[in-house]
Amino acid sequence: MRKTLLMASIAFIAFVSGHRPAAAAVFSGQVTFLRFNDFNDVYGPPGDSMNAEVFFSVSGAPGRVFGLTLRNDSQMLPHTAAVQLLRDSFIYGYTLCTEADTSLPGVNKLVSLGRIWFKSGGC
């Protein structure tokens, strides 16, 4: 019960705190890749790299890597909550839904992290 309440609280915080990207697409699945970088580090090939601290992939978006920052700014709380959701999906195999701006160039996408949530049975 306590874990369910905690997960619901984290999902609510992560869901309501962000903004909706202009050309948003929803991707879902289990987290298949989760990587943490040092502050202000870059991940990805030249021309398609991201400057972020957390990178992940979901099974429903093969070949895409999403990223989010963990900086001391107004998005710190929702991004920290999102990391908990990513971790739980990776460890326990939960289905995760994420919304990304598909208008950005390249395969890698920086996620508008107001939109990460758990949902049973897909998004």
C-alpha atoms as a PDB file:
ATOM      1  CA  MET A   1       0.000   0.000   0.000  1.00  0.00           C
ATOM      2  CA  ARG A   2       2.744   2.433   0.972  1.00  0.00           C
ATOM      3  CA  LYS A   3       4.713   1.747  -2.242  1.00  0.00           C
ATOM      4  CA  THR A   4       1.559   2.210  -4.354  1.00  0.00           C
ATOM      5  CA  LEU A   5       0.860   5.547  -2.685  1.00  0.00           C
ATOM      6  CA  LEU A   6       4.469   6.648  -3.155  1.00  0.00           C
ATOM      7  CA  MET A   7       4.421   5.679  -6.850  1.00  0.00           C
ATOM      8  CA  ALA A   8       1.128   7.518  -7.376  1.00  0.00           C
ATOM      9  CA  SER A   9       2.535  10.634  -5.681  1.00  0.00           C
ATOM     10  CA  ILE A  10       5.687  10.549  -7.780  1.00  0.00           C
ATOM     11  CA  ALA A  11       3.674  10.027 -10.976  1.00  0.00           C
ATOM     12  CA  PHE A  12       1.399  12.943 -10.090  1.00  0.00           C
ATOM     13  CA  ILE A  13       4.352  15.254  -9.401  1.00  0.00           C
ATOM     14  CA  ALA A  14       6.062  14.256 -12.644  1.00  0.00           C
ATOM     15  CA  PHE A  15       2.858  14.579 -14.670  1.00  0.00           C
ATOM     16  CA  VAL A  16       1.594  17.993 -13.570  1.00  0.00           C
ATOM     17  CA  SER A  17       4.802  19.959 -13.328  1.00  0.00           C
ATOM     18  CA  GLY A  18       5.946  20.142 -16.948  1.00  0.00           C
ATOM     19  CA  HIS A  19       4.764  21.670 -20.166  1.00  0.00           C
ATOM     20  CA  ARG A  20       3.468  20.027 -23.319  1.00  0.00           C
ATOM     21  CA  PRO A  21       5.924  20.027 -26.240  1.00  0.00           C
ATOM     22  CA  ALA A  22       4.789  21.549 -29.537  1.00  0.00           C
ATOM     23  CA  ALA A  23       5.046  18.331 -31.595  1.00  0.00           C
ATOM     24  CA  ALA A  24       4.547  15.718 -28.905  1.00  0.00           C
ATOM     25  CA  ALA A  25       4.445  11.984 -29.461  1.00  0.00           C
ATOM     26  CA  VAL A  26       3.847   9.391 -26.754  1.00  0.00           C
ATOM     27  CA  PHE A  27       6.188   6.415 -26.508  1.00  0.00           C
ATOM     28  CA  SER A  28       5.632   3.515 -24.142  1.00  0.00           C
ATOM     29  CA  GLY A  29       7.214   0.302 -22.970  1.00  0.00           C
ATOM     30  CA  GLN A  30       9.644  -1.001 -20.428  1.00  0.00           C
ATOM     31  CA  VAL A  31      12.860   0.883 -19.855  1.00  0.00           C
ATOM     32  CA  THR A  32      15.555  -1.080 -21.707  1.00  0.00           C
ATOM     33  CA  PHE A  33      18.461   1.326 -21.202  1.00  0.00           C
ATOM     34  CA  LEU A  34      19.191   3.640 -18.266  1.00  0.00           C
ATOM     35  CA  ARG A  35      22.407   5.649 -18.001  1.00  0.00           C
ATOM     36  CA  PHE A  36      23.514   8.420 -15.633  1.00  0.00           C
ATOM     37  CA  ASN A  37      26.183  10.930 -16.692  1.00  0.00           C
ATOM     38  CA  ASP A  38      28.162  13.573 -14.886  1.00  0.00           C
ATOM     39  CA  PHE A  39      26.789  17.115 -14.838  1.00  0.00           C
ATOM     40  CA  ASN A  40      26.982  18.847 -18.219  1.00  0.00           C
ATOM     41  CA  ASP A  41      28.205  15.702 -20.009  1.00  0.00           C
ATOM     42  CA  VAL A  42      27.238  14.793 -23.577  1.00  0.00           C
ATOM     43  CA  TYR A  43      25.915  11.470 -24.893  1.00  0.00           C
ATOM     44  CA  GLY A  44      25.450  10.358 -28.490  1.00  0.00           C
ATOM     45  CA  PRO A  45      27.247  10.590 -31.824  1.00  0.00           C
ATOM     46  CA  PRO A  46      28.372  13.963 -33.265  1.00  0.00           C
ATOM     47  CA  GLY A  47      25.413  15.837 -34.717  1.00  0.00           C
ATOM     48  CA  ASP A  48      22.885  13.838 -32.687  1.00  0.00           C
ATOM     49  CA  SER A  49      24.131  14.239 -29.123  1.00  0.00           C
ATOM     50  CA  MET A  50      22.430  15.507 -25.977  1.00  0.00           C
ATOM     51  CA  ASN A  51      23.676  17.473 -22.998  1.00  0.00           C
ATOM     52  CA  ALA A  52      21.885  15.844 -20.050  1.00  0.00           C
ATOM     53  CA  GLU A  53      22.487  13.763 -16.943  1.00  0.00           C
ATOM     54  CA  VAL A  54      20.014  10.893 -17.427  1.00  0.00           C
ATOM     55  CA  PHE A  55      19.474   8.887 -20.608  1.00  0.00           C
ATOM     56  CA  PHE A  56      16.980   6.098 -21.251  1.00  0.00           C
ATOM     57  CA  SER A  57      15.288   4.040 -23.949  1.00  0.00           C
ATOM     58  CA  VAL A  58      11.893   2.358 -23.918  1.00  0.00           C
ATOM     59  CA  SER A  59      10.970  -0.835 -25.740  1.00  0.00           C
ATOM     60  CA  GLY A  60       8.220   0.930 -27.718  1.00  0.00           C
ATOM     61  CA  ALA A  61      10.718   3.319 -29.352  1.00  0.00           C
ATOM     62  CA  PRO A  62      13.607   1.183 -30.645  1.00  0.00           C
ATOM     63  CA  GLY A  63      16.654   3.169 -31.679  1.00  0.00           C
ATOM     64  CA  ARG A  64      15.640   6.294 -29.739  1.00  0.00           C
ATOM     65  CA  VAL A  65      17.404   7.560 -26.640  1.00  0.00           C
ATOM     66  CA  PHE A  66      15.653  10.105 -24.451  1.00  0.00           C
ATOM     67  CA  GLY A  67      17.408  12.427 -22.017  1.00  0.00           C
ATOM     68  CA  LEU A  68      16.621  14.648 -19.057  1.00  0.00           C
ATOM     69  CA  THR A  69      18.588  17.020 -16.895  1.00  0.00           C
ATOM     70  CA  LEU A  70      19.132  16.892 -13.133  1.00  0.00           C
ATOM     71  CA  ARG A  71      19.983  20.505 -12.393  1.00  0.00           C
ATOM     72  CA  ASN A  72      19.242  22.788  -9.482  1.00  0.00           C
ATOM     73  CA  ASP A  73      16.427  24.697 -11.189  1.00  0.00           C
ATOM     74  CA  SER A  74      12.623  24.811 -11.227  1.00  0.00           C
ATOM     75  CA  GLN A  75      12.487  21.329 -12.818  1.00  0.00           C
ATOM     76  CA  MET A  76      14.617  19.640 -10.156  1.00  0.00           C
ATOM     77  CA  LEU A  77      11.712  18.063  -8.220  1.00  0.00           C
ATOM     78  CA  PRO A  78       9.802  16.634 -11.209  1.00  0.00           C
ATOM     79  CA  HIS A  79      13.001  15.390 -12.839  1.00  0.00           C
ATOM     80  CA  THR A  80      14.043  13.653  -9.619  1.00  0.00           C
ATOM     81  CA  ALA A  81      10.587  12.033  -9.456  1.00  0.00           C
ATOM     82  CA  ALA A  82      10.964  10.973 -13.090  1.00  0.00           C
ATOM     83  CA  VAL A  83      14.261   9.245 -12.256  1.00  0.00           C
ATOM     84  CA  GLN A  84      12.391   7.177  -9.651  1.00  0.00           C
ATOM     85  CA  LEU A  85       9.820   6.162 -12.274  1.00  0.00           C
ATOM     86  CA  LEU A  86      12.576   5.241 -14.739  1.00  0.00           C
ATOM     87  CA  ARG A  87      14.414   3.226 -12.112  1.00  0.00           C
ATOM     88  CA  ASP A  88      11.287   1.301 -11.082  1.00  0.00           C
ATOM     89  CA  SER A  89      10.419   0.552 -14.694  1.00  0.00           C
ATOM     90  CA  PHE A  90      13.950  -0.679 -15.335  1.00  0.00           C
ATOM     91  CA  ILE A  91      14.136  -2.847 -12.191  1.00  0.00           C
ATOM     92  CA  TYR A  92      10.570  -4.193 -12.019  1.00  0.00           C
ATOM     93  CA  GLY A  93       9.584  -4.163 -15.701  1.00  0.00           C
ATOM     94  CA  TYR A  94       6.706  -1.675 -15.366  1.00  0.00           C
ATOM     95  CA  THR A  95       5.289  -0.128 -18.526  1.00  0.00           C
ATOM     96  CA  LEU A  96       6.283   3.510 -18.707  1.00  0.00           C
ATOM     97  CA  CYS A  97       4.804   6.232 -20.909  1.00  0.00           C
ATOM     98  CA  THR A  98       6.802   9.266 -21.964  1.00  0.00           C
ATOM     99  CA  GLU A  99       6.056  12.213 -24.189  1.00  0.00           C
ATOM    100  CA  ALA A 100       8.792  13.676 -26.378  1.00  0.00           C
ATOM    101  CA  ASP A 101       9.083  16.562 -28.802  1.00  0.00           C
ATOM    102  CA  THR A 102       9.434  14.901 -32.201  1.00  0.00           C
ATOM    103  CA  SER A 103      10.173  18.182 -33.984  1.00  0.00           C
ATOM    104  CA  LEU A 104      13.761  18.151 -32.699  1.00  0.00           C
ATOM    105  CA  PRO A 105      16.364  17.027 -35.237  1.00  0.00           C
ATOM    106  CA  GLY A 106      18.071  13.653 -34.879  1.00  0.00           C
ATOM    107  CA  VAL A 107      17.098  10.404 -33.209  1.00  0.00           C
ATOM    108  CA  ASN A 108      17.984  11.352 -29.625  1.00  0.00           C
ATOM    109  CA  LYS A 109      15.321  13.437 -27.908  1.00  0.00           C
ATOM    110  CA  LEU A 110      15.356  15.613 -24.831  1.00  0.00           C
ATOM    111  CA  VAL A 111      12.111  14.803 -23.059  1.00  0.00           C
ATOM    112  CA  SER A 112       9.708  17.389 -21.739  1.00  0.00           C
ATOM    113  CA  LEU A 113       9.673  15.693 -18.375  1.00  0.00           C
ATOM    114  CA  GLY A 114       6.278  16.867 -17.292  1.00  0.00           C
ATOM    115  CA  ARG A 115       5.091  13.801 -19.131  1.00  0.00           C
ATOM    116  CA  ILE A 116       6.348  10.524 -17.699  1.00  0.00           C
ATOM    117  CA  TRP A 117       3.875   8.174 -16.085  1.00  0.00           C
ATOM    118  CA  PHE A 118       3.070   4.523 -15.357  1.00  0.00           C
ATOM    119  CA  LYS A 119       0.045   2.937 -16.949  1.00  0.00           C
ATOM    120  CA  SER A 120      -1.027  -0.672 -16.968  1.00  0.00           C
ATOM    121  CA  GLY A 121      -1.915  -2.000 -20.390  1.00  0.00           C
ATOM    122  CA  GLY A 122      -0.143   0.683 -22.425  1.00  0.00           C
ATOM    123  CA  CYS A 123      -0.636   4.390 -22.968  1.00  0.00           C
END
